[in-house]
Amino acid sequence: MATNNKPANRLRCGNIKATIWQNSGPKGPFFSTIFSRPFKDQSGNWRIGTSFGLHDLEALLTVAHEAKAWIAAHTLKR
């Protein structure tokens, strides 16, 4: 569960987003990441998707690498 209502960081590549949350656990704080893809449904309303097509995967890899680097850098500061 998140320790506050604000993400620790947000990253984006194209239409793919990575939201990094700081959580508390029995062994202390840790980070987790949620990957998402906003899209408009048939009614024109914005939705958040968590599945990725072929054309999303390169951007997903990019934000995953960026999220890993950010978490590693901030984990070492403790």
PDB file of N, CA and C in Angstrom:
ATOM      1  N   MET A   1       0.840  -1.179   0.000  1.00  0.00           N
ATOM      2  CA  MET A   1       0.000   0.000   0.000  1.00  0.00           C
ATOM      3  C   MET A   1       0.885   1.242   0.000  1.00  0.00           C
ATOM      4  N   ALA A   2       0.511   2.246  -0.756  1.00  0.00           N
ATOM      5  CA  ALA A   2       1.288   3.477  -0.869  1.00  0.00           C
ATOM      6  C   ALA A   2       1.296   4.219   0.454  1.00  0.00           C
ATOM      7  N   THR A   3       2.431   4.850   0.755  1.00  0.00           N
ATOM      8  CA  THR A   3       2.544   5.598   2.003  1.00  0.00           C
ATOM      9  C   THR A   3       1.918   6.976   1.903  1.00  0.00           C
ATOM     10  N   ASN A   4       1.689   7.481   0.694  1.00  0.00           N
ATOM     11  CA  ASN A   4       0.988   8.743   0.500  1.00  0.00           C
ATOM     12  C   ASN A   4       0.232   8.677  -0.816  1.00  0.00           C
ATOM     13  N   ASN A   5      -0.476   9.737  -1.130  1.00  0.00           N
ATOM     14  CA  ASN A   5      -1.309   9.704  -2.330  1.00  0.00           C
ATOM     15  C   ASN A   5      -0.600  10.203  -3.577  1.00  0.00           C
ATOM     16  N   LYS A   6       0.639  10.620  -3.465  1.00  0.00           N
ATOM     17  CA  LYS A   6       1.380  11.118  -4.624  1.00  0.00           C
ATOM     18  C   LYS A   6       2.433  10.106  -5.041  1.00  0.00           C
ATOM     19  N   PRO A   7       2.556   9.876  -6.339  1.00  0.00           N
ATOM     20  CA  PRO A   7       3.615   8.966  -6.789  1.00  0.00           C
ATOM     21  C   PRO A   7       4.997   9.547  -6.496  1.00  0.00           C
ATOM     22  N   ALA A   8       5.963   8.664  -6.333  1.00  0.00           N
ATOM     23  CA  ALA A   8       7.344   9.091  -6.146  1.00  0.00           C
ATOM     24  C   ALA A   8       7.894   9.690  -7.436  1.00  0.00           C
ATOM     25  N   ASN A   9       7.433   9.167  -8.577  1.00  0.00           N
ATOM     26  CA  ASN A   9       7.878   9.677  -9.876  1.00  0.00           C
ATOM     27  C   ASN A   9       6.936   9.170 -10.964  1.00  0.00           C
ATOM     28  N   ARG A  10       6.896   9.919 -12.061  1.00  0.00           N
ATOM     29  CA  ARG A  10       6.143   9.507 -13.248  1.00  0.00           C
ATOM     30  C   ARG A  10       7.067   9.639 -14.448  1.00  0.00           C
ATOM     31  N   LEU A  11       7.072   8.632 -15.281  1.00  0.00           N
ATOM     32  CA  LEU A  11       7.896   8.635 -16.485  1.00  0.00           C
ATOM     33  C   LEU A  11       6.993   8.379 -17.674  1.00  0.00           C
ATOM     34  N   ARG A  12       7.417   8.880 -18.836  1.00  0.00           N
ATOM     35  CA  ARG A  12       6.592   8.694 -20.025  1.00  0.00           C
ATOM     36  C   ARG A  12       7.470   8.554 -21.259  1.00  0.00           C
ATOM     37  N   CYS A  13       7.060   7.686 -22.144  1.00  0.00           N
ATOM     38  CA  CYS A  13       7.665   7.554 -23.461  1.00  0.00           C
ATOM     39  C   CYS A  13       6.523   7.356 -24.438  1.00  0.00           C
ATOM     40  N   GLY A  14       6.309   8.333 -25.294  1.00  0.00           N
ATOM     41  CA  GLY A  14       5.171   8.257 -26.200  1.00  0.00           C
ATOM     42  C   GLY A  14       3.890   8.204 -25.409  1.00  0.00           C
ATOM     43  N   ASN A  15       3.096   7.187 -25.649  1.00  0.00           N
ATOM     44  CA  ASN A  15       1.816   7.050 -24.978  1.00  0.00           C
ATOM     45  C   ASN A  15       1.884   6.122 -23.757  1.00  0.00           C
ATOM     46  N   ILE A  16       3.058   5.634 -23.429  1.00  0.00           N
ATOM     47  CA  ILE A  16       3.218   4.690 -22.324  1.00  0.00           C
ATOM     48  C   ILE A  16       3.722   5.434 -21.084  1.00  0.00           C
ATOM     49  N   LYS A  17       3.098   5.140 -19.955  1.00  0.00           N
ATOM     50  CA  LYS A  17       3.461   5.798 -18.700  1.00  0.00           C
ATOM     51  C   LYS A  17       3.908   4.767 -17.675  1.00  0.00           C
ATOM     52  N   ALA A  18       4.878   5.172 -16.861  1.00  0.00           N
ATOM     53  CA  ALA A  18       5.296   4.388 -15.700  1.00  0.00           C
ATOM     54  C   ALA A  18       5.096   5.273 -14.478  1.00  0.00           C
ATOM     55  N   THR A  19       4.341   4.792 -13.520  1.00  0.00           N
ATOM     56  CA  THR A  19       4.119   5.516 -12.275  1.00  0.00           C
ATOM     57  C   THR A  19       4.798   4.724 -11.172  1.00  0.00           C
ATOM     58  N   ILE A  20       5.718   5.375 -10.470  1.00  0.00           N
ATOM     59  CA  ILE A  20       6.495   4.725  -9.414  1.00  0.00           C
ATOM     60  C   ILE A  20       5.934   5.158  -8.068  1.00  0.00           C
ATOM     61  N   TRP A  21       5.615   4.176  -7.244  1.00  0.00           N
ATOM     62  CA  TRP A  21       5.054   4.413  -5.921  1.00  0.00           C
ATOM     63  C   TRP A  21       6.027   3.938  -4.849  1.00  0.00           C
ATOM     64  N   GLN A  22       6.112   4.689  -3.764  1.00  0.00           N
ATOM     65  CA  GLN A  22       6.878   4.221  -2.612  1.00  0.00           C
ATOM     66  C   GLN A  22       5.898   3.563  -1.654  1.00  0.00           C
ATOM     67  N   ASN A  23       6.234   2.376  -1.200  1.00  0.00           N
ATOM     68  CA  ASN A  23       5.384   1.594  -0.308  1.00  0.00           C
ATOM     69  C   ASN A  23       6.144   1.261   0.964  1.00  0.00           C
ATOM     70  N   SER A  24       5.413   0.834   1.977  1.00  0.00           N
ATOM     71  CA  SER A  24       6.016   0.377   3.228  1.00  0.00           C
ATOM     72  C   SER A  24       5.757  -1.109   3.381  1.00  0.00           C
ATOM     73  N   GLY A  25       6.777  -1.820   3.817  1.00  0.00           N
ATOM     74  CA  GLY A  25       6.656  -3.256   4.044  1.00  0.00           C
ATOM     75  C   GLY A  25       7.329  -3.629   5.350  1.00  0.00           C
ATOM     76  N   PRO A  26       7.243  -4.878   5.734  1.00  0.00           N
ATOM     77  CA  PRO A  26       7.863  -5.339   6.987  1.00  0.00           C
ATOM     78  C   PRO A  26       9.368  -5.101   7.025  1.00  0.00           C
ATOM     79  N   LYS A  27      10.006  -5.081   5.847  1.00  0.00           N
ATOM     80  CA  LYS A  27      11.451  -4.858   5.788  1.00  0.00           C
ATOM     81  C   LYS A  27      11.798  -3.408   5.487  1.00  0.00           C
ATOM     82  N   GLY A  28      10.810  -2.516   5.518  1.00  0.00           N
ATOM     83  CA  GLY A  28      11.058  -1.101   5.253  1.00  0.00           C
ATOM     84  C   GLY A  28      10.443  -0.663   3.937  1.00  0.00           C
ATOM     85  N   PRO A  29      10.737   0.569   3.551  1.00  0.00           N
ATOM     86  CA  PRO A  29      10.149   1.099   2.317  1.00  0.00           C
ATOM     87  C   PRO A  29      10.712   0.436   1.064  1.00  0.00           C
ATOM     88  N   PHE A  30       9.880   0.380   0.040  1.00  0.00           N
ATOM     89  CA  PHE A  30      10.294  -0.149  -1.255  1.00  0.00           C
ATOM     90  C   PHE A  30       9.477   0.537  -2.339  1.00  0.00           C
ATOM     91  N   PHE A  31       9.918   0.416  -3.578  1.00  0.00           N
ATOM     92  CA  PHE A  31       9.231   1.028  -4.704  1.00  0.00           C
ATOM     93  C   PHE A  31       8.550  -0.037  -5.561  1.00  0.00           C
ATOM     94  N   SER A  32       7.427   0.332  -6.147  1.00  0.00           N
ATOM     95  CA  SER A  32       6.766  -0.516  -7.140  1.00  0.00           C
ATOM     96  C   SER A  32       6.354   0.368  -8.314  1.00  0.00           C
ATOM     97  N   THR A  33       6.147  -0.242  -9.463  1.00  0.00           N
ATOM     98  CA  THR A  33       5.853   0.505 -10.684  1.00  0.00           C
ATOM     99  C   THR A  33       4.609  -0.036 -11.356  1.00  0.00           C
ATOM    100  N   ILE A  34       3.767   0.890 -11.806  1.00  0.00           N
ATOM    101  CA  ILE A  34       2.581   0.545 -12.586  1.00  0.00           C
ATOM    102  C   ILE A  34       2.781   1.104 -13.984  1.00  0.00           C
ATOM    103  N   PHE A  35       2.611   0.263 -14.988  1.00  0.00           N
ATOM    104  CA  PHE A  35       2.712   0.687 -16.386  1.00  0.00           C
ATOM    105  C   PHE A  35       1.305   0.819 -16.951  1.00  0.00           C
ATOM    106  N   SER A  36       1.067   1.869 -17.727  1.00  0.00           N
ATOM    107  CA  SER A  36      -0.268   2.094 -18.270  1.00  0.00           C
ATOM    108  C   SER A  36      -0.200   2.746 -19.643  1.00  0.00           C
ATOM    109  N   ARG A  37      -1.339   2.671 -20.322  1.00  0.00           N
ATOM    110  CA  ARG A  37      -1.466   3.245 -21.654  1.00  0.00           C
ATOM    111  C   ARG A  37      -2.843   3.897 -21.750  1.00  0.00           C
ATOM    112  N   PRO A  38      -2.908   5.230 -21.718  1.00  0.00           N
ATOM    113  CA  PRO A  38      -4.209   5.888 -21.868  1.00  0.00           C
ATOM    114  C   PRO A  38      -4.732   5.744 -23.301  1.00  0.00           C
ATOM    115  N   PHE A  39      -6.041   5.624 -23.427  1.00  0.00           N
ATOM    116  CA  PHE A  39      -6.666   5.529 -24.748  1.00  0.00           C
ATOM    117  C   PHE A  39      -8.097   6.044 -24.656  1.00  0.00           C
ATOM    118  N   LYS A  40      -8.650   6.397 -25.789  1.00  0.00           N
ATOM    119  CA  LYS A  40     -10.043   6.816 -25.846  1.00  0.00           C
ATOM    120  C   LYS A  40     -10.906   5.632 -26.265  1.00  0.00           C
ATOM    121  N   ASP A  41     -12.024   5.443 -25.548  1.00  0.00           N
ATOM    122  CA  ASP A  41     -12.938   4.368 -25.923  1.00  0.00           C
ATOM    123  C   ASP A  41     -13.838   4.824 -27.072  1.00  0.00           C
ATOM    124  N   GLN A  42     -14.764   3.982 -27.475  1.00  0.00           N
ATOM    125  CA  GLN A  42     -15.621   4.293 -28.614  1.00  0.00           C
ATOM    126  C   GLN A  42     -16.499   5.513 -28.378  1.00  0.00           C
ATOM    127  N   SER A  43     -16.745   5.851 -27.103  1.00  0.00           N
ATOM    128  CA  SER A  43     -17.560   7.023 -26.774  1.00  0.00           C
ATOM    129  C   SER A  43     -16.728   8.294 -26.693  1.00  0.00           C
ATOM    130  N   GLY A  44     -15.416   8.167 -26.842  1.00  0.00           N
ATOM    131  CA  GLY A  44     -14.535   9.324 -26.751  1.00  0.00           C
ATOM    132  C   GLY A  44     -14.052   9.629 -25.348  1.00  0.00           C
ATOM    133  N   ASN A  45     -14.340   8.738 -24.394  1.00  0.00           N
ATOM    134  CA  ASN A  45     -13.892   8.928 -23.011  1.00  0.00           C
ATOM    135  C   ASN A  45     -12.511   8.313 -22.821  1.00  0.00           C
ATOM    136  N   TRP A  46     -11.675   8.994 -22.040  1.00  0.00           N
ATOM    137  CA  TRP A  46     -10.341   8.480 -21.767  1.00  0.00           C
ATOM    138  C   TRP A  46     -10.415   7.327 -20.786  1.00  0.00           C
ATOM    139  N   ARG A  47      -9.670   6.284 -21.069  1.00  0.00           N
ATOM    140  CA  ARG A  47      -9.545   5.101 -20.222  1.00  0.00           C
ATOM    141  C   ARG A  47      -8.065   4.797 -20.019  1.00  0.00           C
ATOM    142  N   ILE A  48      -7.778   3.975 -19.039  1.00  0.00           N
ATOM    143  CA  ILE A  48      -6.400   3.560 -18.770  1.00  0.00           C
ATOM    144  C   ILE A  48      -6.291   2.070 -19.057  1.00  0.00           C
ATOM    145  N   GLY A  49      -5.415   1.721 -19.989  1.00  0.00           N
ATOM    146  CA  GLY A  49      -5.201   0.322 -20.337  1.00  0.00           C
ATOM    147  C   GLY A  49      -3.924  -0.205 -19.715  1.00  0.00           C
ATOM    148  N   THR A  50      -3.915  -1.499 -19.472  1.00  0.00           N
ATOM    149  CA  THR A  50      -2.710  -2.151 -18.937  1.00  0.00           C
ATOM    150  C   THR A  50      -2.251  -3.292 -19.836  1.00  0.00           C
ATOM    151  N   SER A  51      -2.758  -3.299 -21.058  1.00  0.00           N
ATOM    152  CA  SER A  51      -2.255  -4.248 -22.049  1.00  0.00           C
ATOM    153  C   SER A  51      -1.568  -3.449 -23.144  1.00  0.00           C
ATOM    154  N   PHE A  52      -0.586  -4.073 -23.770  1.00  0.00           N
ATOM    155  CA  PHE A  52       0.268  -3.350 -24.702  1.00  0.00           C
ATOM    156  C   PHE A  52       0.392  -4.129 -26.000  1.00  0.00           C
ATOM    157  N   GLY A  53       0.206  -3.440 -27.103  1.00  0.00           N
ATOM    158  CA  GLY A  53       0.329  -4.051 -28.414  1.00  0.00           C
ATOM    159  C   GLY A  53       1.758  -3.988 -28.920  1.00  0.00           C
ATOM    160  N   LEU A  54       1.954  -4.544 -30.080  1.00  0.00           N
ATOM    161  CA  LEU A  54       3.273  -4.597 -30.699  1.00  0.00           C
ATOM    162  C   LEU A  54       3.923  -3.215 -30.775  1.00  0.00           C
ATOM    163  N   HIS A  55       3.158  -2.201 -31.144  1.00  0.00           N
ATOM    164  CA  HIS A  55       3.720  -0.870 -31.330  1.00  0.00           C
ATOM    165  C   HIS A  55       3.964  -0.132 -30.003  1.00  0.00           C
ATOM    166  N   ASP A  56       3.498  -0.689 -28.894  1.00  0.00           N
ATOM    167  CA  ASP A  56       3.725  -0.095 -27.566  1.00  0.00           C
ATOM    168  C   ASP A  56       4.975  -0.639 -26.892  1.00  0.00           C
ATOM    169  N   LEU A  57       5.461  -1.776 -27.350  1.00  0.00           N
ATOM    170  CA  LEU A  57       6.490  -2.500 -26.595  1.00  0.00           C
ATOM    171  C   LEU A  57       7.825  -1.778 -26.518  1.00  0.00           C
ATOM    172  N   GLU A  58       8.228  -1.076 -27.562  1.00  0.00           N
ATOM    173  CA  GLU A  58       9.498  -0.340 -27.508  1.00  0.00           C
ATOM    174  C   GLU A  58       9.434   0.761 -26.453  1.00  0.00           C
ATOM    175  N   ALA A  59       8.319   1.491 -26.423  1.00  0.00           N
ATOM    176  CA  ALA A  59       8.136   2.539 -25.410  1.00  0.00           C
ATOM    177  C   ALA A  59       8.047   1.931 -24.012  1.00  0.00           C
ATOM    178  N   LEU A  60       7.403   0.773 -23.901  1.00  0.00           N
ATOM    179  CA  LEU A  60       7.312   0.091 -22.614  1.00  0.00           C
ATOM    180  C   LEU A  60       8.702  -0.299 -22.113  1.00  0.00           C
ATOM    181  N   LEU A  61       9.535  -0.807 -23.004  1.00  0.00           N
ATOM    182  CA  LEU A  61      10.919  -1.138 -22.632  1.00  0.00           C
ATOM    183  C   LEU A  61      11.679   0.100 -22.158  1.00  0.00           C
ATOM    184  N   THR A  62      11.492   1.203 -22.863  1.00  0.00           N
ATOM    185  CA  THR A  62      12.186   2.443 -22.507  1.00  0.00           C
ATOM    186  C   THR A  62      11.793   2.913 -21.113  1.00  0.00           C
ATOM    187  N   VAL A  63      10.479   2.989 -20.830  1.00  0.00           N
ATOM    188  CA  VAL A  63      10.074   3.471 -19.501  1.00  0.00           C
ATOM    189  C   VAL A  63      10.412   2.456 -18.422  1.00  0.00           C
ATOM    190  N   ALA A  64      10.435   1.162 -18.752  1.00  0.00           N
ATOM    191  CA  ALA A  64      10.832   0.154 -17.764  1.00  0.00           C
ATOM    192  C   ALA A  64      12.305   0.328 -17.383  1.00  0.00           C
ATOM    193  N   HIS A  65      13.163   0.575 -18.365  1.00  0.00           N
ATOM    194  CA  HIS A  65      14.586   0.813 -18.079  1.00  0.00           C
ATOM    195  C   HIS A  65      14.770   2.094 -17.275  1.00  0.00           C
ATOM    196  N   GLU A  66      14.035   3.141 -17.632  1.00  0.00           N
ATOM    197  CA  GLU A  66      14.119   4.405 -16.893  1.00  0.00           C
ATOM    198  C   GLU A  66      13.628   4.230 -15.457  1.00  0.00           C
ATOM    199  N   ALA A  67      12.552   3.476 -15.278  1.00  0.00           N
ATOM    200  CA  ALA A  67      12.020   3.228 -13.935  1.00  0.00           C
ATOM    201  C   ALA A  67      13.021   2.431 -13.104  1.00  0.00           C
ATOM    202  N   LYS A  68      13.641   1.440 -13.712  1.00  0.00           N
ATOM    203  CA  LYS A  68      14.644   0.641 -13.000  1.00  0.00           C
ATOM    204  C   LYS A  68      15.801   1.518 -12.553  1.00  0.00           C
ATOM    205  N   ALA A  69      16.287   2.383 -13.432  1.00  0.00           N
ATOM    206  CA  ALA A  69      17.403   3.267 -13.093  1.00  0.00           C
ATOM    207  C   ALA A  69      17.006   4.241 -11.983  1.00  0.00           C
ATOM    208  N   TRP A  70      15.808   4.801 -12.071  1.00  0.00           N
ATOM    209  CA  TRP A  70      15.353   5.751 -11.053  1.00  0.00           C
ATOM    210  C   TRP A  70      15.231   5.066  -9.692  1.00  0.00           C
ATOM    211  N   ILE A  71      14.622   3.877  -9.673  1.00  0.00           N
ATOM    212  CA  ILE A  71      14.458   3.149  -8.410  1.00  0.00           C
ATOM    213  C   ILE A  71      15.815   2.770  -7.834  1.00  0.00           C
ATOM    214  N   ALA A  72      16.722   2.297  -8.679  1.00  0.00           N
ATOM    215  CA  ALA A  72      18.061   1.931  -8.194  1.00  0.00           C
ATOM    216  C   ALA A  72      18.768   3.135  -7.590  1.00  0.00           C
ATOM    217  N   ALA A  73      18.685   4.279  -8.242  1.00  0.00           N
ATOM    218  CA  ALA A  73      19.349   5.483  -7.746  1.00  0.00           C
ATOM    219  C   ALA A  73      18.753   5.943  -6.417  1.00  0.00           C
ATOM    220  N   HIS A  74      17.460   5.825  -6.256  1.00  0.00           N
ATOM    221  CA  HIS A  74      16.817   6.297  -5.041  1.00  0.00           C
ATOM    222  C   HIS A  74      16.862   5.266  -3.928  1.00  0.00           C
ATOM    223  N   THR A  75      17.021   4.025  -4.267  1.00  0.00           N
ATOM    224  CA  THR A  75      17.169   2.987  -3.242  1.00  0.00           C
ATOM    225  C   THR A  75      18.552   3.074  -2.608  1.00  0.00           C
ATOM    226  N   LEU A  76      19.573   3.419  -3.390  1.00  0.00           N
ATOM    227  CA  LEU A  76      20.938   3.530  -2.867  1.00  0.00           C
ATOM    228  C   LEU A  76      21.109   4.700  -1.919  1.00  0.00           C
ATOM    229  N   LYS A  77      20.231   5.696  -1.975  1.00  0.00           N
ATOM    230  CA  LYS A  77      20.357   6.886  -1.137  1.00  0.00           C
ATOM    231  C   LYS A  77      19.925   6.641   0.308  1.00  0.00           C
ATOM    232  N   ARG A  78      19.369   5.493   0.587  1.00  0.00           N
ATOM    233  CA  ARG A  78      18.876   5.233   1.957  1.00  0.00           C
ATOM    234  C   ARG A  78      19.978   4.815   2.859  1.00  0.00           C
TER     235      ARG A  78
END
